[in-house]
Protein backbone atom coordinates (compact mmCIF):
# COMPACT_ATOMS: atom_id res chain seq x y z
CA MET A 1 -129.26 80.84 -182.76
CA LYS A 2 -126.94 83.31 -185.03
CA ARG A 3 -123.38 82.37 -185.12
CA LYS A 4 -120.93 85.15 -184.74
CA ALA A 5 -118.83 85.94 -187.41
CA LYS A 6 -114.89 85.62 -187.11
CA ARG A 7 -113.00 88.69 -186.98
CA ILE A 8 -109.65 88.03 -189.23
CA ILE A 9 -107.00 90.47 -188.67
CA PRO A 10 -105.22 91.30 -191.72
CA GLN A 11 -101.57 90.14 -191.87
CA LEU A 12 -99.00 92.10 -193.30
CA PRO A 13 -96.97 90.66 -195.74
CA LYS A 14 -93.69 89.23 -194.42
CA ALA A 15 -90.38 90.95 -195.44
CA PRO A 16 -87.83 88.67 -197.43
CA PRO A 17 -85.31 87.32 -195.33
CA THR A 18 -82.29 89.49 -195.49
CA ASN A 19 -78.71 87.14 -196.24
CA LEU A 20 -76.17 88.34 -194.00
CA LYS A 21 -73.69 87.59 -196.15
CA ASN A 22 -74.71 89.76 -198.91
CA LYS A 23 -75.02 92.55 -196.48
CA GLY A 24 -71.21 92.55 -195.61
CA ALA A 25 -71.91 92.22 -191.98
CA ASN A 26 -69.53 91.36 -189.45
CA LEU A 27 -69.94 87.46 -188.84
CA ASP A 28 -67.01 87.00 -186.52
CA GLY A 29 -68.65 85.55 -183.55
CA PHE A 30 -71.01 82.95 -185.84
CA GLY A 31 -68.15 80.71 -186.50
CA VAL A 32 -68.59 80.99 -190.60
CA ASN A 33 -65.26 83.23 -191.14
CA VAL A 34 -62.48 80.74 -191.93
CA PRO A 35 -59.74 81.21 -190.84
CA PRO A 36 -61.22 82.78 -187.94
CA ASP A 37 -59.86 86.35 -186.13
CA ARG A 38 -57.31 84.92 -183.14
CA PHE A 39 -58.89 87.18 -181.15
CA VAL A 40 -62.37 85.67 -181.61
CA VAL A 41 -60.96 82.08 -181.10
CA HIS A 42 -59.47 83.19 -177.63
CA ILE A 43 -62.45 84.40 -176.56
CA TYR A 44 -64.53 81.36 -177.55
CA PHE A 45 -61.69 78.95 -175.68
CA ASP A 46 -61.61 81.28 -172.78
CA GLN A 47 -65.59 80.92 -172.54
CA LYS A 48 -65.13 76.94 -172.55
CA ASP A 49 -62.33 77.47 -169.76
CA LEU A 50 -59.53 76.36 -171.90
CA ALA A 51 -57.96 79.72 -172.87
CA GLU A 52 -54.15 78.28 -172.88
CA PHE A 53 -55.36 75.90 -175.73
CA ALA A 54 -56.41 78.55 -178.34
CA ASP A 55 -53.25 78.90 -179.94
CA VAL A 56 -52.46 75.39 -180.12
CA PHE A 57 -56.12 74.81 -181.84
CA LEU A 58 -55.25 77.67 -184.31
CA ALA A 59 -51.67 76.15 -185.04
CA GLU A 60 -52.98 72.89 -185.63
CA LYS A 61 -55.87 73.85 -188.06
CA GLU A 62 -53.34 76.21 -189.79
CA LEU A 63 -51.01 73.54 -190.50
CA LEU A 64 -53.90 71.67 -192.05
CA GLN A 65 -54.88 74.58 -193.92
CA TRP A 66 -58.21 74.59 -192.35
CA LYS A 67 -59.16 71.12 -193.81
CA THR A 68 -60.95 68.50 -192.11
CA GLY A 69 -59.16 64.79 -192.48
CA THR A 70 -60.58 64.13 -195.39
CA GLY A 71 -59.56 67.00 -197.16
CA THR A 72 -62.76 69.19 -197.33
CA LEU A 73 -62.60 72.92 -196.24
CA ILE A 74 -63.89 73.44 -192.79
CA ARG A 75 -67.12 75.50 -193.28
CA ASN A 76 -67.69 76.62 -189.47
CA TRP A 77 -64.82 76.68 -187.06
CA LYS A 78 -66.73 76.65 -183.80
CA VAL A 79 -67.89 73.28 -184.69
CA CYS A 80 -64.67 71.97 -185.48
CA ALA A 81 -63.00 74.07 -182.12
CA ALA A 82 -66.13 71.99 -180.15
CA ASP A 83 -65.08 68.66 -181.41
CA TRP A 84 -61.35 69.38 -180.84
CA ILE A 85 -62.02 70.61 -177.42
CA PHE A 86 -64.08 67.57 -176.66
CA ASP A 87 -61.46 65.40 -178.13
CA HIS A 88 -58.97 67.11 -175.94
CA ARG A 89 -60.73 66.77 -172.80
CA GLN A 90 -60.99 62.94 -173.65
CA ARG A 91 -57.54 62.90 -173.80
CA MET A 92 -56.95 64.20 -170.46
CA LYS A 93 -59.51 61.71 -168.78
CA ARG A 94 -57.71 58.91 -170.83
CA ARG A 95 -54.41 60.08 -169.56
CA SER A 96 -55.50 60.44 -165.84
CA ARG A 97 -57.11 56.98 -165.72
CA LEU A 98 -53.92 55.51 -167.30
CA SER A 99 -51.68 57.37 -164.70
CA PRO A 100 -50.22 55.33 -162.07
CA TYR A 101 -51.56 57.59 -159.61
CA CYS A 102 -55.16 57.57 -160.27
CA SER A 103 -57.09 56.06 -157.51
CA GLU A 104 -60.17 55.11 -159.66
CA SER A 105 -61.33 51.74 -157.93
CA ILE A 106 -62.50 48.87 -160.25
């Protein structure tokens, strides 16, 4: 019994990856521009249903000069904003639990 030859489809060479930073592209929405544009931050917080806290976040980070607690520069403001939102929601949960009006059963 004869074996059939495999058909090989020639692959085109892959184009080298383009580095968006060198192209001067607008990367406002990706979180790598620090400090970010106020409008982009307001959009991000609006998507997270916390639109009223965008200015609070910006004021806090501008006060810290866009540095972390250890003093290193923030590279991605979206990661920082996500952490800030998580911490804010945890503070609100804790505040409601400690409230004398909370009706959670223990």
